[in-house]
PDB file of all heavy atoms in Angstrom:
ATOM      1  N   PHE A   1      12.361  -0.752  -2.028  1.00  0.00           N
ATOM      2  CA  PHE A   1      13.381  -0.415  -1.043  1.00  0.00           C
ATOM      3  C   PHE A   1      14.266  -1.620  -0.756  1.00  0.00           C
ATOM      4  O   PHE A   1      13.845  -2.775  -0.860  1.00  0.00           O
ATOM      5  CB  PHE A   1      12.736   0.075   0.258  1.00  0.00           C
ATOM      6  CG  PHE A   1      12.082   1.420   0.133  1.00  0.00           C
ATOM      7  CD1 PHE A   1      10.791   1.533  -0.366  1.00  0.00           C
ATOM      8  CD2 PHE A   1      12.757   2.572   0.478  1.00  0.00           C
ATOM      9  CE1 PHE A   1      10.185   2.769  -0.504  1.00  0.00           C
ATOM     10  CE2 PHE A   1      12.162   3.821   0.342  1.00  0.00           C
ATOM     11  CZ  PHE A   1      10.870   3.920  -0.142  1.00  0.00           C
ATOM     12  N   GLN A   2      15.512  -1.321  -0.368  1.00  0.00           N
ATOM     13  CA  GLN A   2      16.460  -2.378  -0.016  1.00  0.00           C
ATOM     14  C   GLN A   2      15.930  -3.205   1.151  1.00  0.00           C
ATOM     15  O   GLN A   2      15.996  -4.429   1.154  1.00  0.00           O
ATOM     16  CB  GLN A   2      17.812  -1.766   0.335  1.00  0.00           C
ATOM     17  CG  GLN A   2      18.887  -2.784   0.671  1.00  0.00           C
ATOM     18  CD  GLN A   2      20.229  -2.124   0.940  1.00  0.00           C
ATOM     19  OE1 GLN A   2      20.392  -0.907   0.765  1.00  0.00           O
ATOM     20  NE2 GLN A   2      21.194  -2.900   1.366  1.00  0.00           N
ATOM     21  N   ASN A   3      15.403  -2.521   2.167  1.00  0.00           N
ATOM     22  CA  ASN A   3      14.752  -3.174   3.288  1.00  0.00           C
ATOM     23  C   ASN A   3      13.246  -3.128   3.047  1.00  0.00           C
ATOM     24  O   ASN A   3      12.680  -2.044   2.880  1.00  0.00           O
ATOM     25  CB  ASN A   3      15.105  -2.479   4.605  1.00  0.00           C
ATOM     26  CG  ASN A   3      16.595  -2.525   4.897  1.00  0.00           C
ATOM     27  OD1 ASN A   3      17.229  -3.568   4.762  1.00  0.00           O
ATOM     28  ND2 ASN A   3      17.166  -1.390   5.278  1.00  0.00           N
ATOM     29  N   LEU A   4      12.610  -4.277   3.035  1.00  0.00           N
ATOM     30  CA  LEU A   4      11.186  -4.361   2.710  1.00  0.00           C
ATOM     31  C   LEU A   4      10.346  -3.449   3.594  1.00  0.00           C
ATOM     32  O   LEU A   4      10.548  -3.388   4.806  1.00  0.00           O
ATOM     33  CB  LEU A   4      10.711  -5.808   2.858  1.00  0.00           C
ATOM     34  CG  LEU A   4      11.293  -6.805   1.855  1.00  0.00           C
ATOM     35  CD1 LEU A   4      10.910  -8.212   2.244  1.00  0.00           C
ATOM     36  CD2 LEU A   4      10.830  -6.487   0.444  1.00  0.00           C
ATOM     37  N   ALA A   5       9.423  -2.734   2.972  1.00  0.00           N
ATOM     38  CA  ALA A   5       8.554  -1.797   3.702  1.00  0.00           C
ATOM     39  C   ALA A   5       7.100  -2.209   3.497  1.00  0.00           C
ATOM     40  O   ALA A   5       6.299  -1.460   2.943  1.00  0.00           O
ATOM     41  CB  ALA A   5       8.791  -0.370   3.213  1.00  0.00           C
ATOM     42  N   LEU A   6       6.775  -3.427   3.937  1.00  0.00           N
ATOM     43  CA  LEU A   6       5.425  -3.963   3.780  1.00  0.00           C
ATOM     44  C   LEU A   6       4.706  -3.994   5.126  1.00  0.00           C
ATOM     45  O   LEU A   6       5.336  -4.015   6.179  1.00  0.00           O
ATOM     46  CB  LEU A   6       5.478  -5.376   3.192  1.00  0.00           C
ATOM     47  CG  LEU A   6       6.081  -5.498   1.794  1.00  0.00           C
ATOM     48  CD1 LEU A   6       6.271  -6.956   1.430  1.00  0.00           C
ATOM     49  CD2 LEU A   6       5.209  -4.801   0.754  1.00  0.00           C
ATOM     50  N   PHE A   7       3.380  -4.029   5.071  1.00  0.00           N
ATOM     51  CA  PHE A   7       2.556  -4.130   6.274  1.00  0.00           C
ATOM     52  C   PHE A   7       2.341  -5.607   6.579  1.00  0.00           C
ATOM     53  O   PHE A   7       1.596  -6.294   5.878  1.00  0.00           O
ATOM     54  CB  PHE A   7       1.233  -3.404   6.074  1.00  0.00           C
ATOM     55  CG  PHE A   7       1.386  -1.927   5.824  1.00  0.00           C
ATOM     56  CD1 PHE A   7       1.363  -1.424   4.534  1.00  0.00           C
ATOM     57  CD2 PHE A   7       1.572  -1.050   6.890  1.00  0.00           C
ATOM     58  CE1 PHE A   7       1.511  -0.062   4.298  1.00  0.00           C
ATOM     59  CE2 PHE A   7       1.721   0.317   6.661  1.00  0.00           C
ATOM     60  CZ  PHE A   7       1.697   0.807   5.370  1.00  0.00           C
ATOM     61  N   GLN A   8       3.002  -6.103   7.616  1.00  0.00           N
ATOM     62  CA  GLN A   8       3.101  -7.536   7.867  1.00  0.00           C
ATOM     63  C   GLN A   8       1.760  -8.201   8.175  1.00  0.00           C
ATOM     64  O   GLN A   8       1.569  -9.384   7.889  1.00  0.00           O
ATOM     65  CB  GLN A   8       4.078  -7.791   9.012  1.00  0.00           C
ATOM     66  CG  GLN A   8       5.511  -7.408   8.699  1.00  0.00           C
ATOM     67  CD  GLN A   8       6.095  -8.237   7.564  1.00  0.00           C
ATOM     68  OE1 GLN A   8       6.003  -9.466   7.567  1.00  0.00           O
ATOM     69  NE2 GLN A   8       6.681  -7.570   6.582  1.00  0.00           N
ATOM     70  N   THR A   9       0.827  -7.484   8.769  1.00  0.00           N
ATOM     71  CA  THR A   9      -0.447  -8.092   9.167  1.00  0.00           C
ATOM     72  C   THR A   9      -1.525  -7.957   8.083  1.00  0.00           C
ATOM     73  O   THR A   9      -2.630  -8.460   8.263  1.00  0.00           O
ATOM     74  CB  THR A   9      -0.967  -7.460  10.471  1.00  0.00           C
ATOM     75  OG1 THR A   9      -1.163  -6.055  10.277  1.00  0.00           O
ATOM     76  CG2 THR A   9       0.030  -7.680  11.607  1.00  0.00           C
ATOM     77  N   MET A  10      -1.201  -7.307   6.981  1.00  0.00           N
ATOM     78  CA  MET A  10      -2.151  -7.134   5.884  1.00  0.00           C
ATOM     79  C   MET A  10      -1.935  -8.190   4.811  1.00  0.00           C
ATOM     80  O   MET A  10      -0.875  -8.811   4.731  1.00  0.00           O
ATOM     81  CB  MET A  10      -2.017  -5.728   5.291  1.00  0.00           C
ATOM     82  CG  MET A  10      -2.483  -4.619   6.223  1.00  0.00           C
ATOM     83  SD  MET A  10      -2.030  -2.948   5.667  1.00  0.00           S
ATOM     84  CE  MET A  10      -2.762  -2.891   4.027  1.00  0.00           C
ATOM     85  N   THR A  11      -2.934  -8.390   3.973  1.00  0.00           N
ATOM     86  CA  THR A  11      -2.817  -9.360   2.889  1.00  0.00           C
ATOM     87  C   THR A  11      -1.951  -8.797   1.762  1.00  0.00           C
ATOM     88  O   THR A  11      -1.664  -7.595   1.701  1.00  0.00           O
ATOM     89  CB  THR A  11      -4.193  -9.718   2.316  1.00  0.00           C
ATOM     90  OG1 THR A  11      -4.750  -8.551   1.682  1.00  0.00           O
ATOM     91  CG2 THR A  11      -5.126 -10.235   3.399  1.00  0.00           C
ATOM     92  N   VAL A  12      -1.575  -9.689   0.857  1.00  0.00           N
ATOM     93  CA  VAL A  12      -0.826  -9.276  -0.325  1.00  0.00           C
ATOM     94  C   VAL A  12      -1.617  -8.241  -1.117  1.00  0.00           C
ATOM     95  O   VAL A  12      -1.091  -7.194  -1.505  1.00  0.00           O
ATOM     96  CB  VAL A  12      -0.509 -10.502  -1.204  1.00  0.00           C
ATOM     97  CG1 VAL A  12       0.024 -10.081  -2.574  1.00  0.00           C
ATOM     98  CG2 VAL A  12       0.489 -11.415  -0.500  1.00  0.00           C
ATOM     99  N   LEU A  13      -2.891  -8.501  -1.364  1.00  0.00           N
ATOM    100  CA  LEU A  13      -3.718  -7.579  -2.138  1.00  0.00           C
ATOM    101  C   LEU A  13      -3.791  -6.209  -1.472  1.00  0.00           C
ATOM    102  O   LEU A  13      -3.633  -5.175  -2.138  1.00  0.00           O
ATOM    103  CB  LEU A  13      -5.126  -8.152  -2.304  1.00  0.00           C
ATOM    104  CG  LEU A  13      -6.136  -7.259  -3.034  1.00  0.00           C
ATOM    105  CD1 LEU A  13      -5.683  -6.956  -4.450  1.00  0.00           C
ATOM    106  CD2 LEU A  13      -7.526  -7.913  -3.048  1.00  0.00           C
ATOM    107  N   ASP A  14      -4.025  -6.177  -0.173  1.00  0.00           N
ATOM    108  CA  ASP A  14      -4.139  -4.895   0.521  1.00  0.00           C
ATOM    109  C   ASP A  14      -2.820  -4.129   0.506  1.00  0.00           C
ATOM    110  O   ASP A  14      -2.810  -2.897   0.373  1.00  0.00           O
ATOM    111  CB  ASP A  14      -4.606  -5.113   1.965  1.00  0.00           C
ATOM    112  CG  ASP A  14      -6.067  -5.516   2.041  1.00  0.00           C
ATOM    113  OD1 ASP A  14      -6.808  -5.259   1.075  1.00  0.00           O
ATOM    114  OD2 ASP A  14      -6.471  -6.106   3.071  1.00  0.00           O
ATOM    115  N   ASN A  15      -1.703  -4.832   0.646  1.00  0.00           N
ATOM    116  CA  ASN A  15      -0.400  -4.173   0.561  1.00  0.00           C
ATOM    117  C   ASN A  15      -0.200  -3.532  -0.804  1.00  0.00           C
ATOM    118  O   ASN A  15       0.298  -2.406  -0.907  1.00  0.00           O
ATOM    119  CB  ASN A  15       0.719  -5.181   0.825  1.00  0.00           C
ATOM    120  CG  ASN A  15       1.185  -5.180   2.263  1.00  0.00           C
ATOM    121  OD1 ASN A  15       1.962  -4.320   2.685  1.00  0.00           O
ATOM    122  ND2 ASN A  15       0.704  -6.145   3.033  1.00  0.00           N
ATOM    123  N   VAL A  16      -0.593  -4.238  -1.846  1.00  0.00           N
ATOM    124  CA  VAL A  16      -0.422  -3.705  -3.199  1.00  0.00           C
ATOM    125  C   VAL A  16      -1.332  -2.504  -3.418  1.00  0.00           C
ATOM    126  O   VAL A  16      -0.927  -1.495  -4.009  1.00  0.00           O
ATOM    127  CB  VAL A  16      -0.697  -4.804  -4.240  1.00  0.00           C
ATOM    128  CG1 VAL A  16      -0.694  -4.228  -5.650  1.00  0.00           C
ATOM    129  CG2 VAL A  16       0.356  -5.905  -4.123  1.00  0.00           C
ATOM    130  N   MET A  17      -2.552  -2.576  -2.927  1.00  0.00           N
ATOM    131  CA  MET A  17      -3.491  -1.468  -3.114  1.00  0.00           C
ATOM    132  C   MET A  17      -3.033  -0.198  -2.423  1.00  0.00           C
ATOM    133  O   MET A  17      -3.348   0.909  -2.879  1.00  0.00           O
ATOM    134  CB  MET A  17      -4.882  -1.877  -2.623  1.00  0.00           C
ATOM    135  CG  MET A  17      -5.571  -2.890  -3.527  1.00  0.00           C
ATOM    136  SD  MET A  17      -7.231  -3.353  -2.962  1.00  0.00           S
ATOM    137  CE  MET A  17      -8.102  -1.785  -3.137  1.00  0.00           C
ATOM    138  N   VAL A  18      -2.274  -0.335  -1.356  1.00  0.00           N
ATOM    139  CA  VAL A  18      -1.726   0.851  -0.686  1.00  0.00           C
ATOM    140  C   VAL A  18      -0.925   1.691  -1.682  1.00  0.00           C
ATOM    141  O   VAL A  18      -0.954   2.920  -1.652  1.00  0.00           O
ATOM    142  CB  VAL A  18      -0.847   0.435   0.510  1.00  0.00           C
ATOM    143  CG1 VAL A  18      -0.017   1.614   1.005  1.00  0.00           C
ATOM    144  CG2 VAL A  18      -1.710  -0.099   1.642  1.00  0.00           C
ATOM    145  N   GLY A  19      -0.210   1.018  -2.582  1.00  0.00           N
ATOM    146  CA  GLY A  19       0.597   1.735  -3.562  1.00  0.00           C
ATOM    147  C   GLY A  19      -0.216   2.564  -4.522  1.00  0.00           C
ATOM    148  O   GLY A  19       0.283   3.547  -5.073  1.00  0.00           O
ATOM    149  N   GLY A  20      -1.469   2.195  -4.747  1.00  0.00           N
ATOM    150  CA  GLY A  20      -2.295   2.926  -5.690  1.00  0.00           C
ATOM    151  C   GLY A  20      -3.025   4.114  -5.105  1.00  0.00           C
ATOM    152  O   GLY A  20      -3.507   4.981  -5.845  1.00  0.00           O
ATOM    153  N   HIS A  21      -3.122   4.192  -3.785  1.00  0.00           N
ATOM    154  CA  HIS A  21      -3.884   5.275  -3.174  1.00  0.00           C
ATOM    155  C   HIS A  21      -3.232   6.637  -3.369  1.00  0.00           C
ATOM    156  O   HIS A  21      -3.902   7.666  -3.296  1.00  0.00           O
ATOM    157  CB  HIS A  21      -4.098   4.993  -1.679  1.00  0.00           C
ATOM    158  CG  HIS A  21      -5.162   3.967  -1.411  1.00  0.00           C
ATOM    159  ND1 HIS A  21      -4.913   2.776  -0.783  1.00  0.00           N
ATOM    160  CD2 HIS A  21      -6.490   3.940  -1.732  1.00  0.00           C
ATOM    161  CE1 HIS A  21      -6.025   2.075  -0.687  1.00  0.00           C
ATOM    162  NE2 HIS A  21      -6.996   2.750  -1.272  1.00  0.00           N
ATOM    163  N   SER A  22      -1.925   6.642  -3.646  1.00  0.00           N
ATOM    164  CA  SER A  22      -1.254   7.921  -3.893  1.00  0.00           C
ATOM    165  C   SER A  22      -1.691   8.543  -5.208  1.00  0.00           C
ATOM    166  O   SER A  22      -1.477   9.732  -5.440  1.00  0.00           O
ATOM    167  CB  SER A  22       0.263   7.731  -3.902  1.00  0.00           C
ATOM    168  OG  SER A  22       0.642   6.844  -4.942  1.00  0.00           O
ATOM    169  N   ARG A  23      -2.320   7.736  -6.081  1.00  0.00           N
ATOM    170  CA  ARG A  23      -2.761   8.248  -7.379  1.00  0.00           C
ATOM    171  C   ARG A  23      -4.268   8.455  -7.459  1.00  0.00           C
ATOM    172  O   ARG A  23      -4.780   8.812  -8.517  1.00  0.00           O
ATOM    173  CB  ARG A  23      -2.340   7.263  -8.488  1.00  0.00           C
ATOM    174  CG  ARG A  23      -0.853   7.028  -8.618  1.00  0.00           C
ATOM    175  CD  ARG A  23      -0.138   8.234  -9.210  1.00  0.00           C
ATOM    176  NE  ARG A  23      -0.574   8.512 -10.558  1.00  0.00           N
ATOM    177  CZ  ARG A  23       0.022   7.992 -11.645  1.00  0.00           C
ATOM    178  NH1 ARG A  23       1.042   7.158 -11.505  1.00  0.00           N
ATOM    179  NH2 ARG A  23      -0.402   8.316 -12.838  1.00  0.00           N
ATOM    180  N   THR A  24      -4.992   8.221  -6.353  1.00  0.00           N
ATOM    181  CA  THR A  24      -6.445   8.377  -6.384  1.00  0.00           C
ATOM    182  C   THR A  24      -6.831   9.831  -6.137  1.00  0.00           C
ATOM    183  O   THR A  24      -6.063  10.614  -5.576  1.00  0.00           O
ATOM    184  CB  THR A  24      -7.118   7.484  -5.332  1.00  0.00           C
ATOM    185  OG1 THR A  24      -6.589   7.792  -4.030  1.00  0.00           O
ATOM    186  CG2 THR A  24      -6.871   6.022  -5.631  1.00  0.00           C
ATOM    187  N   ALA A  25      -8.051  10.178  -6.527  1.00  0.00           N
ATOM    188  CA  ALA A  25      -8.507  11.564  -6.419  1.00  0.00           C
ATOM    189  C   ALA A  25      -9.284  11.838  -5.141  1.00  0.00           C
ATOM    190  O   ALA A  25      -9.512  12.993  -4.779  1.00  0.00           O
ATOM    191  CB  ALA A  25      -9.381  11.911  -7.628  1.00  0.00           C
ATOM    192  N   SER A  26      -9.709  10.787  -4.431  1.00  0.00           N
ATOM    193  CA  SER A  26     -10.529  10.989  -3.232  1.00  0.00           C
ATOM    194  C   SER A  26      -9.703  11.599  -2.105  1.00  0.00           C
ATOM    195  O   SER A  26      -8.483  11.444  -2.040  1.00  0.00           O
ATOM    196  CB  SER A  26     -11.135   9.665  -2.778  1.00  0.00           C
ATOM    197  OG  SER A  26     -10.116   8.718  -2.524  1.00  0.00           O
ATOM    198  N   ASP A  27     -10.412  12.301  -1.187  1.00  0.00           N
ATOM    199  CA  ASP A  27      -9.739  12.925  -0.059  1.00  0.00           C
ATOM    200  C   ASP A  27     -10.379  12.454   1.243  1.00  0.00           C
ATOM    201  O   ASP A  27     -11.248  11.570   1.247  1.00  0.00           O
ATOM    202  CB  ASP A  27      -9.797  14.458  -0.166  1.00  0.00           C
ATOM    203  CG  ASP A  27     -11.219  14.976  -0.360  1.00  0.00           C
ATOM    204  OD1 ASP A  27     -12.173  14.265   0.028  1.00  0.00           O
ATOM    205  OD2 ASP A  27     -11.380  16.088  -0.882  1.00  0.00           O
ATOM    206  N   VAL A  28      -9.968  13.041   2.361  1.00  0.00           N
ATOM    207  CA  VAL A  28     -10.460  12.624   3.671  1.00  0.00           C
ATOM    208  C   VAL A  28     -11.971  12.801   3.777  1.00  0.00           C
ATOM    209  O   VAL A  28     -12.680  11.929   4.284  1.00  0.00           O
ATOM    210  CB  VAL A  28      -9.741  13.416   4.784  1.00  0.00           C
ATOM    211  CG1 VAL A  28     -10.350  13.073   6.141  1.00  0.00           C
ATOM    212  CG2 VAL A  28      -8.254  13.104   4.792  1.00  0.00           C
TER     213      VAL A  28
END
């Protein structure tokens, strides 16, 4: 995004992992 959409209080690794959860098979 043009304006950064990161979680400021989370680590770099955790921010990146957020991107992968949309492709995981697990549910609530």
